[in-house]
Amino acid sequence: MVEEYKKNTSSKYMTKAEEEEENSFNGLSVSIFENGSIFEGNYHNGNFCGVGLELQANGNTYIGSFKEGAKNGNGTFYWFSNSEIYSGEWLSGLPHGLGIYLAKDKYEGNFANGLKHGFG
C-alpha cells in the first residue's frame, strides 16, 4: 500500500480531529513533504518508525532505523554536497555509539551526541 501523507507544519491551526488523524497514522507510506523531502517507510502514531529511507531536498540521504520520528538504531547518512558518510549507531537523531565517519580522513570509533568521542 502506497499513500501520500503530508505533514502539516502549522499544527496550531489544525482542528482537534485533524490533529488526531495525523498523529494516529500507521503503516507503510511514501511521503512527499512541502519542502521537497521524501520519506519511504513505516509510520507509527504519525511518526517515522522502523526501517526507512529519508531523501532530503538538498540530496542528503539517510537509510536506517527510526524511532518516534528520529534516527535511532543503525543507519547510514550520506551528505550530498561534500560526499561525506556516517554509518553506525544513532540516538535521538544524532550519531551516538559505534560508527564510521568517512570524509577527508576516516574516523572509526565512538560518538556521543553527534560528536566524535575518544581516539577512534
PDB file of N, CA and C in Angstrom:
ATOM      1  N   MET A   1       0.845  -1.176   0.000  1.00  0.00           N
ATOM      2  CA  MET A   1       0.000   0.000   0.000  1.00  0.00           C
ATOM      3  C   MET A   1       0.890   1.237   0.000  1.00  0.00           C
ATOM      4  N   VAL A   2       0.678   2.128  -0.928  1.00  0.00           N
ATOM      5  CA  VAL A   2       1.437   3.365  -1.004  1.00  0.00           C
ATOM      6  C   VAL A   2       0.456   4.521  -0.908  1.00  0.00           C
ATOM      7  N   GLU A   3       0.719   5.441  -0.002  1.00  0.00           N
ATOM      8  CA  GLU A   3      -0.128   6.609   0.185  1.00  0.00           C
ATOM      9  C   GLU A   3       0.737   7.852   0.281  1.00  0.00           C
ATOM     10  N   GLU A   4       0.191   8.978  -0.101  1.00  0.00           N
ATOM     11  CA  GLU A   4       0.885  10.244   0.111  1.00  0.00           C
ATOM     12  C   GLU A   4       0.392  10.802   1.425  1.00  0.00           C
ATOM     13  N   TYR A   5       1.297  11.224   2.250  1.00  0.00           N
ATOM     14  CA  TYR A   5       0.961  11.738   3.574  1.00  0.00           C
ATOM     15  C   TYR A   5       1.768  12.991   3.798  1.00  0.00           C
ATOM     16  N   LYS A   6       1.116  14.129   3.900  1.00  0.00           N
ATOM     17  CA  LYS A   6       1.828  15.393   4.084  1.00  0.00           C
ATOM     18  C   LYS A   6       1.708  15.845   5.524  1.00  0.00           C
ATOM     19  N   LYS A   7       2.843  16.104   6.126  1.00  0.00           N
ATOM     20  CA  LYS A   7       2.906  16.580   7.500  1.00  0.00           C
ATOM     21  C   LYS A   7       2.579  18.066   7.515  1.00  0.00           C
ATOM     22  N   ASN A   8       1.643  18.468   8.323  1.00  0.00           N
ATOM     23  CA  ASN A   8       1.263  19.876   8.440  1.00  0.00           C
ATOM     24  C   ASN A   8       2.165  20.524   9.481  1.00  0.00           C
ATOM     25  N   THR A   9       3.025  21.432   9.038  1.00  0.00           N
ATOM     26  CA  THR A   9       3.978  22.057   9.957  1.00  0.00           C
ATOM     27  C   THR A   9       3.343  23.157  10.790  1.00  0.00           C
ATOM     28  N   SER A  10       2.132  23.555  10.440  1.00  0.00           N
ATOM     29  CA  SER A  10       1.459  24.604  11.216  1.00  0.00           C
ATOM     30  C   SER A  10       0.332  23.989  12.034  1.00  0.00           C
ATOM     31  N   SER A  11       0.667  23.010  12.873  1.00  0.00           N
ATOM     32  CA  SER A  11      -0.347  22.242  13.589  1.00  0.00           C
ATOM     33  C   SER A  11      -1.191  23.098  14.532  1.00  0.00           C
ATOM     34  N   LYS A  12      -0.727  24.286  14.895  1.00  0.00           N
ATOM     35  CA  LYS A  12      -1.524  25.121  15.784  1.00  0.00           C
ATOM     36  C   LYS A  12      -2.824  25.564  15.124  1.00  0.00           C
ATOM     37  N   TYR A  13      -2.936  25.434  13.775  1.00  0.00           N
ATOM     38  CA  TYR A  13      -4.138  25.808  13.056  1.00  0.00           C
ATOM     39  C   TYR A  13      -5.020  24.606  12.717  1.00  0.00           C
ATOM     40  N   MET A  14      -4.626  23.428  13.173  1.00  0.00           N
ATOM     41  CA  MET A  14      -5.391  22.225  12.879  1.00  0.00           C
ATOM     42  C   MET A  14      -6.524  22.061  13.883  1.00  0.00           C
ATOM     43  N   THR A  15      -7.618  21.479  13.407  1.00  0.00           N
ATOM     44  CA  THR A  15      -8.707  21.145  14.327  1.00  0.00           C
ATOM     45  C   THR A  15      -8.287  19.935  15.152  1.00  0.00           C
ATOM     46  N   LYS A  16      -8.974  19.675  16.220  1.00  0.00           N
ATOM     47  CA  LYS A  16      -8.673  18.525  17.072  1.00  0.00           C
ATOM     48  C   LYS A  16      -8.779  17.232  16.264  1.00  0.00           C
ATOM     49  N   ALA A  17      -9.812  17.107  15.449  1.00  0.00           N
ATOM     50  CA  ALA A  17      -9.992  15.900  14.641  1.00  0.00           C
ATOM     51  C   ALA A  17      -8.851  15.729  13.644  1.00  0.00           C
ATOM     52  N   GLU A  18      -8.407  16.822  12.980  1.00  0.00           N
ATOM     53  CA  GLU A  18      -7.297  16.739  12.038  1.00  0.00           C
ATOM     54  C   GLU A  18      -6.010  16.345  12.746  1.00  0.00           C
ATOM     55  N   GLU A  19      -5.775  16.894  13.919  1.00  0.00           N
ATOM     56  CA  GLU A  19      -4.573  16.565  14.681  1.00  0.00           C
ATOM     57  C   GLU A  19      -4.582  15.103  15.103  1.00  0.00           C
ATOM     58  N   GLU A  20      -5.717  14.598  15.568  1.00  0.00           N
ATOM     59  CA  GLU A  20      -5.809  13.191  15.967  1.00  0.00           C
ATOM     60  C   GLU A  20      -5.587  12.272  14.779  1.00  0.00           C
ATOM     61  N   GLU A  21      -6.141  12.632  13.610  1.00  0.00           N
ATOM     62  CA  GLU A  21      -5.959  11.816  12.420  1.00  0.00           C
ATOM     63  C   GLU A  21      -4.493  11.777  12.005  1.00  0.00           C
ATOM     64  N   GLU A  22      -3.811  12.921  12.003  1.00  0.00           N
ATOM     65  CA  GLU A  22      -2.396  12.978  11.625  1.00  0.00           C
ATOM     66  C   GLU A  22      -1.533  12.206  12.609  1.00  0.00           C
ATOM     67  N   ASN A  23      -1.801  12.332  13.891  1.00  0.00           N
ATOM     68  CA  ASN A  23      -0.972  11.701  14.919  1.00  0.00           C
ATOM     69  C   ASN A  23      -1.236  10.213  15.074  1.00  0.00           C
ATOM     70  N   SER A  24      -2.242   9.673  14.399  1.00  0.00           N
ATOM     71  CA  SER A  24      -2.549   8.259  14.560  1.00  0.00           C
ATOM     72  C   SER A  24      -2.255   7.449  13.301  1.00  0.00           C
ATOM     73  N   PHE A  25      -1.608   8.057  12.288  1.00  0.00           N
ATOM     74  CA  PHE A  25      -1.332   7.338  11.052  1.00  0.00           C
ATOM     75  C   PHE A  25      -0.369   6.194  11.318  1.00  0.00           C
ATOM     76  N   ASN A  26      -0.715   5.001  10.841  1.00  0.00           N
ATOM     77  CA  ASN A  26       0.124   3.813  10.986  1.00  0.00           C
ATOM     78  C   ASN A  26       0.225   3.110   9.643  1.00  0.00           C
ATOM     79  N   GLY A  27       1.400   2.566   9.365  1.00  0.00           N
ATOM     80  CA  GLY A  27       1.561   1.762   8.166  1.00  0.00           C
ATOM     81  C   GLY A  27       2.662   2.244   7.260  1.00  0.00           C
ATOM     82  N   LEU A  28       2.793   1.539   6.144  1.00  0.00           N
ATOM     83  CA  LEU A  28       3.821   1.837   5.154  1.00  0.00           C
ATOM     84  C   LEU A  28       3.360   2.992   4.279  1.00  0.00           C
ATOM     85  N   SER A  29       4.272   3.920   3.986  1.00  0.00           N
ATOM     86  CA  SER A  29       3.894   5.084   3.203  1.00  0.00           C
ATOM     87  C   SER A  29       5.100   5.651   2.472  1.00  0.00           C
ATOM     88  N   VAL A  30       4.823   6.302   1.364  1.00  0.00           N
ATOM     89  CA  VAL A  30       5.794   7.166   0.699  1.00  0.00           C
ATOM     90  C   VAL A  30       5.260   8.570   0.889  1.00  0.00           C
ATOM     91  N   SER A  31       6.029   9.411   1.575  1.00  0.00           N
ATOM     92  CA  SER A  31       5.573  10.760   1.903  1.00  0.00           C
ATOM     93  C   SER A  31       6.417  11.788   1.175  1.00  0.00           C
ATOM     94  N   ILE A  32       5.748  12.743   0.566  1.00  0.00           N
ATOM     95  CA  ILE A  32       6.425  13.856  -0.087  1.00  0.00           C
ATOM     96  C   ILE A  32       6.021  15.115   0.669  1.00  0.00           C
ATOM     97  N   PHE A  33       7.002  15.794   1.242  1.00  0.00           N
ATOM     98  CA  PHE A  33       6.737  16.956   2.075  1.00  0.00           C
ATOM     99  C   PHE A  33       6.839  18.243   1.270  1.00  0.00           C
ATOM    100  N   GLU A  34       6.253  19.285   1.782  1.00  0.00           N
ATOM    101  CA  GLU A  34       6.224  20.571   1.095  1.00  0.00           C
ATOM    102  C   GLU A  34       7.624  21.120   0.793  1.00  0.00           C
ATOM    103  N   ASN A  35       8.610  20.786   1.629  1.00  0.00           N
ATOM    104  CA  ASN A  35       9.978  21.276   1.407  1.00  0.00           C
ATOM    105  C   ASN A  35      10.739  20.451   0.372  1.00  0.00           C
ATOM    106  N   GLY A  36      10.095  19.425  -0.209  1.00  0.00           N
ATOM    107  CA  GLY A  36      10.723  18.600  -1.228  1.00  0.00           C
ATOM    108  C   GLY A  36      11.341  17.321  -0.713  1.00  0.00           C
ATOM    109  N   SER A  37      11.383  17.135   0.599  1.00  0.00           N
ATOM    110  CA  SER A  37      11.928  15.910   1.183  1.00  0.00           C
ATOM    111  C   SER A  37      10.958  14.749   0.981  1.00  0.00           C
ATOM    112  N   ILE A  38      11.526  13.543   0.930  1.00  0.00           N
ATOM    113  CA  ILE A  38      10.728  12.330   0.737  1.00  0.00           C
ATOM    114  C   ILE A  38      11.086  11.336   1.836  1.00  0.00           C
ATOM    115  N   PHE A  39      10.070  10.664   2.373  1.00  0.00           N
ATOM    116  CA  PHE A  39      10.295   9.582   3.324  1.00  0.00           C
ATOM    117  C   PHE A  39       9.551   8.360   2.826  1.00  0.00           C
ATOM    118  N   GLU A  40      10.249   7.233   2.826  1.00  0.00           N
ATOM    119  CA  GLU A  40       9.615   5.966   2.484  1.00  0.00           C
ATOM    120  C   GLU A  40       9.868   5.005   3.627  1.00  0.00           C
ATOM    121  N   GLY A  41       8.813   4.520   4.227  1.00  0.00           N
ATOM    122  CA  GLY A  41       8.957   3.585   5.319  1.00  0.00           C
ATOM    123  C   GLY A  41       7.693   3.497   6.145  1.00  0.00           C
ATOM    124  N   ASN A  42       7.851   3.035   7.364  1.00  0.00           N
ATOM    125  CA  ASN A  42       6.717   2.829   8.255  1.00  0.00           C
ATOM    126  C   ASN A  42       6.473   4.027   9.153  1.00  0.00           C
ATOM    127  N   TYR A  43       5.209   4.216   9.470  1.00  0.00           N
ATOM    128  CA  TYR A  43       4.780   5.211  10.450  1.00  0.00           C
ATOM    129  C   TYR A  43       4.115   4.486  11.604  1.00  0.00           C
ATOM    130  N   HIS A  44       4.277   5.021  12.784  1.00  0.00           N
ATOM    131  CA  HIS A  44       3.542   4.560  13.959  1.00  0.00           C
ATOM    132  C   HIS A  44       3.091   5.804  14.707  1.00  0.00           C
ATOM    133  N   ASN A  45       1.799   5.947  14.887  1.00  0.00           N
ATOM    134  CA  ASN A  45       1.214   7.131  15.526  1.00  0.00           C
ATOM    135  C   ASN A  45       1.697   8.428  14.884  1.00  0.00           C
ATOM    136  N   GLY A  46       1.797   8.415  13.554  1.00  0.00           N
ATOM    137  CA  GLY A  46       2.162   9.622  12.820  1.00  0.00           C
ATOM    138  C   GLY A  46       3.645   9.927  12.768  1.00  0.00           C
ATOM    139  N   ASN A  47       4.496   9.064  13.339  1.00  0.00           N
ATOM    140  CA  ASN A  47       5.948   9.278  13.354  1.00  0.00           C
ATOM    141  C   ASN A  47       6.658   8.204  12.544  1.00  0.00           C
ATOM    142  N   PHE A  48       7.825   8.562  11.958  1.00  0.00           N
ATOM    143  CA  PHE A  48       8.658   7.565  11.301  1.00  0.00           C
ATOM    144  C   PHE A  48       9.008   6.501  12.337  1.00  0.00           C
ATOM    145  N   CYS A  49       8.959   5.231  11.930  1.00  0.00           N
ATOM    146  CA  CYS A  49       9.240   4.147  12.876  1.00  0.00           C
ATOM    147  C   CYS A  49       9.715   2.922  12.102  1.00  0.00           C
ATOM    148  N   GLY A  50      10.749   2.262  12.618  1.00  0.00           N
ATOM    149  CA  GLY A  50      11.289   1.097  11.935  1.00  0.00           C
ATOM    150  C   GLY A  50      12.295   1.519  10.883  1.00  0.00           C
ATOM    151  N   VAL A  51      12.502   0.681   9.896  1.00  0.00           N
ATOM    152  CA  VAL A  51      13.484   0.960   8.852  1.00  0.00           C
ATOM    153  C   VAL A  51      12.850   1.832   7.768  1.00  0.00           C
ATOM    154  N   GLY A  52      13.600   2.847   7.331  1.00  0.00           N
ATOM    155  CA  GLY A  52      13.081   3.740   6.308  1.00  0.00           C
ATOM    156  C   GLY A  52      14.176   4.429   5.528  1.00  0.00           C
ATOM    157  N   LEU A  53      13.748   5.171   4.522  1.00  0.00           N
ATOM    158  CA  LEU A  53      14.632   5.952   3.667  1.00  0.00           C
ATOM    159  C   LEU A  53      14.174   7.396   3.722  1.00  0.00           C
ATOM    160  N   GLU A  54      15.100   8.300   4.047  1.00  0.00           N
ATOM    161  CA  GLU A  54      14.812   9.728   4.062  1.00  0.00           C
ATOM    162  C   GLU A  54      15.697  10.390   3.017  1.00  0.00           C
ATOM    163  N   LEU A  55      15.069  11.024   2.029  1.00  0.00           N
ATOM    164  CA  LEU A  55      15.792  11.756   0.999  1.00  0.00           C
ATOM    165  C   LEU A  55      15.442  13.225   1.172  1.00  0.00           C
ATOM    166  N   GLN A  56      16.414  14.006   1.621  1.00  0.00           N
ATOM    167  CA  GLN A  56      16.184  15.421   1.866  1.00  0.00           C
ATOM    168  C   GLN A  56      16.236  16.189   0.552  1.00  0.00           C
ATOM    169  N   ALA A  57      15.590  17.340   0.512  1.00  0.00           N
ATOM    170  CA  ALA A  57      15.513  18.149  -0.702  1.00  0.00           C
ATOM    171  C   ALA A  57      16.896  18.533  -1.235  1.00  0.00           C
ATOM    172  N   ASN A  58      17.899  18.650  -0.347  1.00  0.00           N
ATOM    173  CA  ASN A  58      19.250  19.033  -0.768  1.00  0.00           C
ATOM    174  C   ASN A  58      20.077  17.840  -1.248  1.00  0.00           C
ATOM    175  N   GLY A  59      19.488  16.638  -1.275  1.00  0.00           N
ATOM    176  CA  GLY A  59      20.184  15.447  -1.741  1.00  0.00           C
ATOM    177  C   GLY A  59      20.745  14.577  -0.640  1.00  0.00           C
ATOM    178  N   ASN A  60      20.848  15.089   0.582  1.00  0.00           N
ATOM    179  CA  ASN A  60      21.312  14.268   1.695  1.00  0.00           C
ATOM    180  C   ASN A  60      20.353  13.096   1.882  1.00  0.00           C
ATOM    181  N   THR A  61      20.908  11.932   2.216  1.00  0.00           N
ATOM    182  CA  THR A  61      20.109  10.713   2.295  1.00  0.00           C
ATOM    183  C   THR A  61      20.443   9.936   3.552  1.00  0.00           C
ATOM    184  N   TYR A  62      19.392   9.423   4.215  1.00  0.00           N
ATOM    185  CA  TYR A  62      19.569   8.534   5.365  1.00  0.00           C
ATOM    186  C   TYR A  62      18.813   7.247   5.085  1.00  0.00           C
ATOM    187  N   ILE A  63      19.487   6.131   5.309  1.00  0.00           N
ATOM    188  CA  ILE A  63      18.860   4.813   5.215  1.00  0.00           C
ATOM    189  C   ILE A  63      19.129   4.119   6.535  1.00  0.00           C
ATOM    190  N   GLY A  64      18.065   3.758   7.237  1.00  0.00           N
ATOM    191  CA  GLY A  64      18.266   3.088   8.508  1.00  0.00           C
ATOM    192  C   GLY A  64      17.033   3.093   9.377  1.00  0.00           C
ATOM    193  N   SER A  65      17.268   2.960  10.668  1.00  0.00           N
ATOM    194  CA  SER A  65      16.195   2.818  11.647  1.00  0.00           C
ATOM    195  C   SER A  65      15.747   4.157  12.202  1.00  0.00           C
ATOM    196  N   PHE A  66      14.446   4.218  12.490  1.00  0.00           N
ATOM    197  CA  PHE A  66      13.818   5.381  13.115  1.00  0.00           C
ATOM    198  C   PHE A  66      13.035   4.921  14.327  1.00  0.00           C
ATOM    199  N   LYS A  67      12.907   5.803  15.291  1.00  0.00           N
ATOM    200  CA  LYS A  67      12.048   5.558  16.445  1.00  0.00           C
ATOM    201  C   LYS A  67      11.424   6.890  16.830  1.00  0.00           C
ATOM    202  N   GLU A  68      10.107   6.913  16.903  1.00  0.00           N
ATOM    203  CA  GLU A  68       9.361   8.117  17.272  1.00  0.00           C
ATOM    204  C   GLU A  68       9.768   9.325  16.432  1.00  0.00           C
ATOM    205  N   GLY A  69       9.997   9.101  15.138  1.00  0.00           N
ATOM    206  CA  GLY A  69      10.286  10.186  14.215  1.00  0.00           C
ATOM    207  C   GLY A  69      11.741  10.594  14.095  1.00  0.00           C
ATOM    208  N   ALA A  70      12.635  10.008  14.881  1.00  0.00           N
ATOM    209  CA  ALA A  70      14.057  10.389  14.859  1.00  0.00           C
ATOM    210  C   ALA A  70      14.922   9.200  14.437  1.00  0.00           C
ATOM    211  N   LYS A  71      16.079   9.510  13.854  1.00  0.00           N
ATOM    212  CA  LYS A  71      17.048   8.466  13.537  1.00  0.00           C
ATOM    213  C   LYS A  71      17.447   7.802  14.842  1.00  0.00           C
ATOM    214  N   ASN A  72      17.308   6.483  14.894  1.00  0.00           N
ATOM    215  CA  ASN A  72      17.559   5.769  16.134  1.00  0.00           C
ATOM    216  C   ASN A  72      17.872   4.312  15.807  1.00  0.00           C
ATOM    217  N   GLY A  73      18.997   3.805  16.275  1.00  0.00           N
ATOM    218  CA  GLY A  73      19.420   2.453  15.927  1.00  0.00           C
ATOM    219  C   GLY A  73      20.554   2.533  14.929  1.00  0.00           C
ATOM    220  N   ASN A  74      20.595   1.614  13.992  1.00  0.00           N
ATOM    221  CA  ASN A  74      21.668   1.594  12.994  1.00  0.00           C
ATOM    222  C   ASN A  74      21.212   2.256  11.699  1.00  0.00           C
ATOM    223  N   GLY A  75      22.133   3.025  11.111  1.00  0.00           N
ATOM    224  CA  GLY A  75      21.800   3.674   9.852  1.00  0.00           C
ATOM    225  C   GLY A  75      23.003   4.347   9.226  1.00  0.00           C
ATOM    226  N   THR A  76      22.816   4.765   7.978  1.00  0.00           N
ATOM    227  CA  THR A  76      23.873   5.421   7.214  1.00  0.00           C
ATOM    228  C   THR A  76      23.342   6.729   6.650  1.00  0.00           C
ATOM    229  N   PHE A  77      24.113   7.804   6.828  1.00  0.00           N
ATOM    230  CA  PHE A  77      23.750   9.125   6.332  1.00  0.00           C
ATOM    231  C   PHE A  77      24.793   9.558   5.320  1.00  0.00           C
ATOM    232  N   TYR A  78      24.323  10.001   4.155  1.00  0.00           N
ATOM    233  CA  TYR A  78      25.190  10.487   3.072  1.00  0.00           C
ATOM    234  C   TYR A  78      24.973  11.982   2.913  1.00  0.00           C
ATOM    235  N   TRP A  79      26.039  12.779   3.020  1.00  0.00           N
ATOM    236  CA  TRP A  79      25.971  14.213   2.750  1.00  0.00           C
ATOM    237  C   TRP A  79      26.276  14.402   1.274  1.00  0.00           C
ATOM    238  N   PHE A  80      25.301  14.869   0.529  1.00  0.00           N
ATOM    239  CA  PHE A  80      25.419  15.007  -0.915  1.00  0.00           C
ATOM    240  C   PHE A  80      26.461  16.050  -1.317  1.00  0.00           C
ATOM    241  N   SER A  81      26.469  17.197  -0.656  1.00  0.00           N
ATOM    242  CA  SER A  81      27.305  18.322  -1.086  1.00  0.00           C
ATOM    243  C   SER A  81      28.804  18.070  -0.956  1.00  0.00           C
ATOM    244  N   ASN A  82      29.215  17.271   0.026  1.00  0.00           N
ATOM    245  CA  ASN A  82      30.653  17.066   0.230  1.00  0.00           C
ATOM    246  C   ASN A  82      31.058  15.586   0.251  1.00  0.00           C
ATOM    247  N   SER A  83      30.156  14.708  -0.122  1.00  0.00           N
ATOM    248  CA  SER A  83      30.430  13.264  -0.236  1.00  0.00           C
ATOM    249  C   SER A  83      30.918  12.627   1.054  1.00  0.00           C
ATOM    250  N   GLU A  84      30.483  13.136   2.197  1.00  0.00           N
ATOM    251  CA  GLU A  84      30.838  12.528   3.484  1.00  0.00           C
ATOM    252  C   GLU A  84      29.779  11.492   3.856  1.00  0.00           C
ATOM    253  N   ILE A  85      30.205  10.502   4.652  1.00  0.00           N
ATOM    254  CA  ILE A  85      29.312   9.419   5.051  1.00  0.00           C
ATOM    255  C   ILE A  85      29.518   9.117   6.531  1.00  0.00           C
ATOM    256  N   TYR A  86      28.419   8.915   7.245  1.00  0.00           N
ATOM    257  CA  TYR A  86      28.479   8.355   8.595  1.00  0.00           C
ATOM    258  C   TYR A  86      27.637   7.094   8.575  1.00  0.00           C
ATOM    259  N   SER A  87      28.213   6.003   9.068  1.00  0.00           N
ATOM    260  CA  SER A  87      27.483   4.747   9.176  1.00  0.00           C
ATOM    261  C   SER A  87      27.713   4.194  10.570  1.00  0.00           C
ATOM    262  N   GLY A  88      26.624   3.942  11.274  1.00  0.00           N
ATOM    263  CA  GLY A  88      26.764   3.411  12.618  1.00  0.00           C
ATOM    264  C   GLY A  88      25.500   3.601  13.418  1.00  0.00           C
ATOM    265  N   GLU A  89      25.685   3.758  14.726  1.00  0.00           N
ATOM    266  CA  GLU A  89      24.566   3.852  15.653  1.00  0.00           C
ATOM    267  C   GLU A  89      24.091   5.295  15.799  1.00  0.00           C
ATOM    268  N   TRP A  90      22.767   5.441  15.991  1.00  0.00           N
ATOM    269  CA  TRP A  90      22.120   6.742  16.147  1.00  0.00           C
ATOM    270  C   TRP A  90      21.268   6.717  17.410  1.00  0.00           C
ATOM    271  N   LEU A  91      21.132   7.881  18.023  1.00  0.00           N
ATOM    272  CA  LEU A  91      20.242   8.033  19.169  1.00  0.00           C
ATOM    273  C   LEU A  91      19.613   9.423  19.102  1.00  0.00           C
ATOM    274  N   SER A  92      18.310   9.479  19.083  1.00  0.00           N
ATOM    275  CA  SER A  92      17.562  10.746  19.050  1.00  0.00           C
ATOM    276  C   SER A  92      18.009  11.671  17.914  1.00  0.00           C
ATOM    277  N   GLY A  93      18.281  11.083  16.750  1.00  0.00           N
ATOM    278  CA  GLY A  93      18.616  11.871  15.572  1.00  0.00           C
ATOM    279  C   GLY A  93      20.083  12.222  15.407  1.00  0.00           C
ATOM    280  N   LEU A  94      20.943  11.774  16.323  1.00  0.00           N
ATOM    281  CA  LEU A  94      22.376  12.106  16.263  1.00  0.00           C
ATOM    282  C   LEU A  94      23.237  10.849  16.279  1.00  0.00           C
ATOM    283  N   PRO A  95      24.417  10.890  15.614  1.00  0.00           N
ATOM    284  CA  PRO A  95      25.346   9.769  15.758  1.00  0.00           C
ATOM    285  C   PRO A  95      25.698   9.569  17.229  1.00  0.00           C
ATOM    286  N   HIS A  96      25.538   8.346  17.711  1.00  0.00           N
ATOM    287  CA  HIS A  96      25.778   8.071  19.123  1.00  0.00           C
ATOM    288  C   HIS A  96      26.061   6.577  19.275  1.00  0.00           C
ATOM    289  N   GLY A  97      27.248   6.244  19.716  1.00  0.00           N
ATOM    290  CA  GLY A  97      27.671   4.851  19.811  1.00  0.00           C
ATOM    291  C   GLY A  97      28.777   4.592  18.813  1.00  0.00           C
ATOM    292  N   LEU A  98      28.913   3.342  18.397  1.00  0.00           N
ATOM    293  CA  LEU A  98      29.967   2.979  17.449  1.00  0.00           C
ATOM    294  C   LEU A  98      29.595   3.386  16.035  1.00  0.00           C
ATOM    295  N   GLY A  99      30.594   3.936  15.317  1.00  0.00           N
ATOM    296  CA  GLY A  99      30.327   4.324  13.945  1.00  0.00           C
ATOM    297  C   GLY A  99      31.594   4.619  13.172  1.00  0.00           C
ATOM    298  N   ILE A 100      31.407   4.805  11.873  1.00  0.00           N
ATOM    299  CA  ILE A 100      32.496   5.159  10.971  1.00  0.00           C
ATOM    300  C   ILE A 100      32.099   6.441  10.257  1.00  0.00           C
ATOM    301  N   TYR A 101      33.006   7.426  10.280  1.00  0.00           N
ATOM    302  CA  TYR A 101      32.771   8.686   9.593  1.00  0.00           C
ATOM    303  C   TYR A 101      33.834   8.814   8.513  1.00  0.00           C
ATOM    304  N   LEU A 102      33.387   8.863   7.252  1.00  0.00           N
ATOM    305  CA  LEU A 102      34.304   8.970   6.124  1.00  0.00           C
ATOM    306  C   LEU A 102      34.196  10.357   5.515  1.00  0.00           C
ATOM    307  N   ALA A 103      35.286  11.073   5.560  1.00  0.00           N
ATOM    308  CA  ALA A 103      35.391  12.400   4.956  1.00  0.00           C
ATOM    309  C   ALA A 103      36.763  12.441   4.299  1.00  0.00           C
ATOM    310  N   LYS A 104      37.507  13.507   4.496  1.00  0.00           N
ATOM    311  CA  LYS A 104      38.895  13.537   4.001  1.00  0.00           C
ATOM    312  C   LYS A 104      39.720  12.480   4.720  1.00  0.00           C
ATOM    313  N   ASP A 105      39.427  12.286   5.986  1.00  0.00           N
ATOM    314  CA  ASP A 105      40.051  11.250   6.797  1.00  0.00           C
ATOM    315  C   ASP A 105      38.968  10.288   7.250  1.00  0.00           C
ATOM    316  N   LYS A 106      39.394   9.157   7.774  1.00  0.00           N
ATOM    317  CA  LYS A 106      38.454   8.162   8.294  1.00  0.00           C
ATOM    318  C   LYS A 106      38.541   8.140   9.815  1.00  0.00           C
ATOM    319  N   TYR A 107      37.387   8.210  10.475  1.00  0.00           N
ATOM    320  CA  TYR A 107      37.332   8.053  11.927  1.00  0.00           C
ATOM    321  C   TYR A 107      36.429   6.868  12.207  1.00  0.00           C
ATOM    322  N   GLU A 108      36.955   5.904  12.932  1.00  0.00           N
ATOM    323  CA  GLU A 108      36.172   4.744  13.338  1.00  0.00           C
ATOM    324  C   GLU A 108      36.266   4.635  14.846  1.00  0.00           C
ATOM    325  N   GLY A 109      35.132   4.762  15.506  1.00  0.00           N
ATOM    326  CA  GLY A 109      35.140   4.722  16.955  1.00  0.00           C
ATOM    327  C   GLY A 109      33.812   5.150  17.532  1.00  0.00           C
ATOM    328  N   ASN A 110      33.884   5.760  18.697  1.00  0.00           N
ATOM    329  CA  ASN A 110      32.672   6.152  19.418  1.00  0.00           C
ATOM    330  C   ASN A 110      32.253   7.580  19.093  1.00  0.00           C
ATOM    331  N   PHE A 111      30.947   7.786  19.152  1.00  0.00           N
ATOM    332  CA  PHE A 111      30.331   9.091  19.001  1.00  0.00           C
ATOM    333  C   PHE A 111      29.402   9.314  20.191  1.00  0.00           C
ATOM    334  N   ALA A 112      29.300  10.560  20.619  1.00  0.00           N
ATOM    335  CA  ALA A 112      28.382  10.920  21.694  1.00  0.00           C
ATOM    336  C   ALA A 112      27.667  12.207  21.306  1.00  0.00           C
ATOM    337  N   ASN A 113      26.361  12.141  21.232  1.00  0.00           N
ATOM    338  CA  ASN A 113      25.539  13.322  20.904  1.00  0.00           C
ATOM    339  C   ASN A 113      26.003  14.027  19.630  1.00  0.00           C
ATOM    340  N   GLY A 114      26.359  13.240  18.616  1.00  0.00           N
ATOM    341  CA  GLY A 114      26.719  13.778  17.321  1.00  0.00           C
ATOM    342  C   GLY A 114      28.180  14.143  17.145  1.00  0.00           C
ATOM    343  N   LEU A 115      28.995  13.974  18.174  1.00  0.00           N
ATOM    344  CA  LEU A 115      30.418  14.339  18.096  1.00  0.00           C
ATOM    345  C   LEU A 115      31.311  13.132  18.294  1.00  0.00           C
ATOM    346  N   LYS A 116      32.493  13.196  17.664  1.00  0.00           N
ATOM    347  CA  LYS A 116      33.491  12.129  17.885  1.00  0.00           C
ATOM    348  C   LYS A 116      33.822  12.103  19.361  1.00  0.00           C
ATOM    349  N   HIS A 117      33.932  10.887  19.904  1.00  0.00           N
ATOM    350  CA  HIS A 117      34.158  10.742  21.338  1.00  0.00           C
ATOM    351  C   HIS A 117      35.258   9.705  21.540  1.00  0.00           C
ATOM    352  N   GLY A 118      36.426  10.152  21.910  1.00  0.00           N
ATOM    353  CA  GLY A 118      37.542   9.231  22.100  1.00  0.00           C
ATOM    354  C   GLY A 118      38.554   9.376  20.970  1.00  0.00           C
ATOM    355  N   PHE A 119      39.432   8.404  20.913  1.00  0.00           N
ATOM    356  CA  PHE A 119      40.546   8.482  19.967  1.00  0.00           C
ATOM    357  C   PHE A 119      40.236   7.856  18.612  1.00  0.00           C
ATOM    358  N   GLY A 120      39.297   6.957  18.554  1.00  0.00           N
ATOM    359  CA  GLY A 120      38.958   6.307  17.281  1.00  0.00           C
ATOM    360  C   GLY A 120      40.012   5.384  16.777  1.00  0.00           C
TER     361      GLY A 120
END
